[in-house]
Amino acid sequence: MTGVFERTSAVAIESPCILVCMLDTASGLCLGCGRTGDEIAAWTQLSPEARRSIMSTLSERLATLDR
């Protein structure tokens, strides 16, 4: 099978990350995006619907943090 190549490409995953990765010790939320450490760790394994559901809560979460 000469000349047959499998082409792979990275799939972009929607993410709220703003590269300010620091967890607040009191709340457990990232000070940059508002996700929990568990959510961040599982992010690539979550369905697009689950990621969007989490993202819909992030602005409210961030508003509760003392920065």
Protein backbone atom coordinates (compact mmCIF):
# COMPACT_ATOMS: atom_id res chain seq x y z
CA MET A 1 0.00 0.00 0.00
CA THR A 2 2.37 2.59 -1.22
CA GLY A 3 1.39 6.23 -0.93
CA VAL A 4 -1.40 5.73 1.62
CA PHE A 5 -1.18 8.06 4.56
CA GLU A 6 -3.49 8.48 7.49
CA ARG A 7 -4.06 12.11 8.22
CA THR A 8 -4.80 13.10 11.79
CA SER A 9 -5.66 16.53 13.02
CA ALA A 10 -6.15 18.02 16.42
CA VAL A 11 -9.74 18.79 17.26
CA ALA A 12 -10.22 22.12 18.99
CA ILE A 13 -12.02 21.77 22.30
CA GLU A 14 -13.96 24.73 23.60
CA SER A 15 -12.35 25.91 26.82
CA PRO A 16 -12.74 28.85 29.19
CA CYS A 17 -9.05 28.75 30.10
CA ILE A 18 -7.33 32.15 30.02
CA LEU A 19 -3.93 30.80 31.12
CA VAL A 20 -4.26 32.14 34.66
CA CYS A 21 -4.15 28.76 36.36
CA MET A 22 -4.29 29.16 40.11
CA LEU A 23 -6.76 27.41 42.40
CA ASP A 24 -8.31 29.43 45.21
CA THR A 25 -7.68 27.48 48.42
CA ALA A 26 -10.98 28.49 50.03
CA SER A 27 -13.32 27.65 47.15
CA GLY A 28 -11.26 25.22 45.06
CA LEU A 29 -12.04 27.28 41.95
CA CYS A 30 -9.50 28.44 39.38
CA LEU A 31 -9.00 32.20 39.71
CA GLY A 32 -8.71 32.48 35.93
CA CYS A 33 -11.65 30.48 34.61
CA GLY A 34 -13.77 29.44 37.60
CA ARG A 35 -13.57 25.68 37.06
CA THR A 36 -12.75 23.22 39.83
CA GLY A 37 -9.57 21.19 39.72
CA ASP A 38 -11.62 18.08 38.94
CA GLU A 39 -13.38 19.84 36.06
CA ILE A 40 -10.07 21.01 34.65
CA ALA A 41 -8.59 17.51 34.88
CA ALA A 42 -11.61 15.89 33.18
CA TRP A 43 -12.21 18.65 30.61
CA THR A 44 -11.04 16.79 27.51
CA GLN A 45 -13.08 13.72 28.46
CA LEU A 46 -16.35 15.62 28.94
CA SER A 47 -18.98 15.84 26.23
CA PRO A 48 -19.44 19.19 24.50
CA GLU A 49 -22.81 19.51 26.26
CA ALA A 50 -21.23 18.93 29.69
CA ARG A 51 -18.49 21.49 28.95
CA ARG A 52 -21.09 24.08 27.86
CA SER A 53 -23.16 23.40 30.98
CA ILE A 54 -20.14 24.08 33.18
CA MET A 55 -19.18 27.15 31.16
CA SER A 56 -22.65 28.61 31.67
CA THR A 57 -21.99 28.75 35.44
CA LEU A 58 -18.48 30.20 35.39
CA SER A 59 -19.28 33.92 35.47
CA GLU A 60 -21.43 33.39 38.57
CA ARG A 61 -18.70 31.33 40.21
CA LEU A 62 -16.03 33.93 39.48
CA ALA A 63 -18.24 36.67 40.94
CA THR A 64 -18.16 34.87 44.31
CA LEU A 65 -14.35 34.91 44.56
CA ASP A 66 -12.37 37.45 46.56
CA ARG A 67 -9.47 38.34 44.30
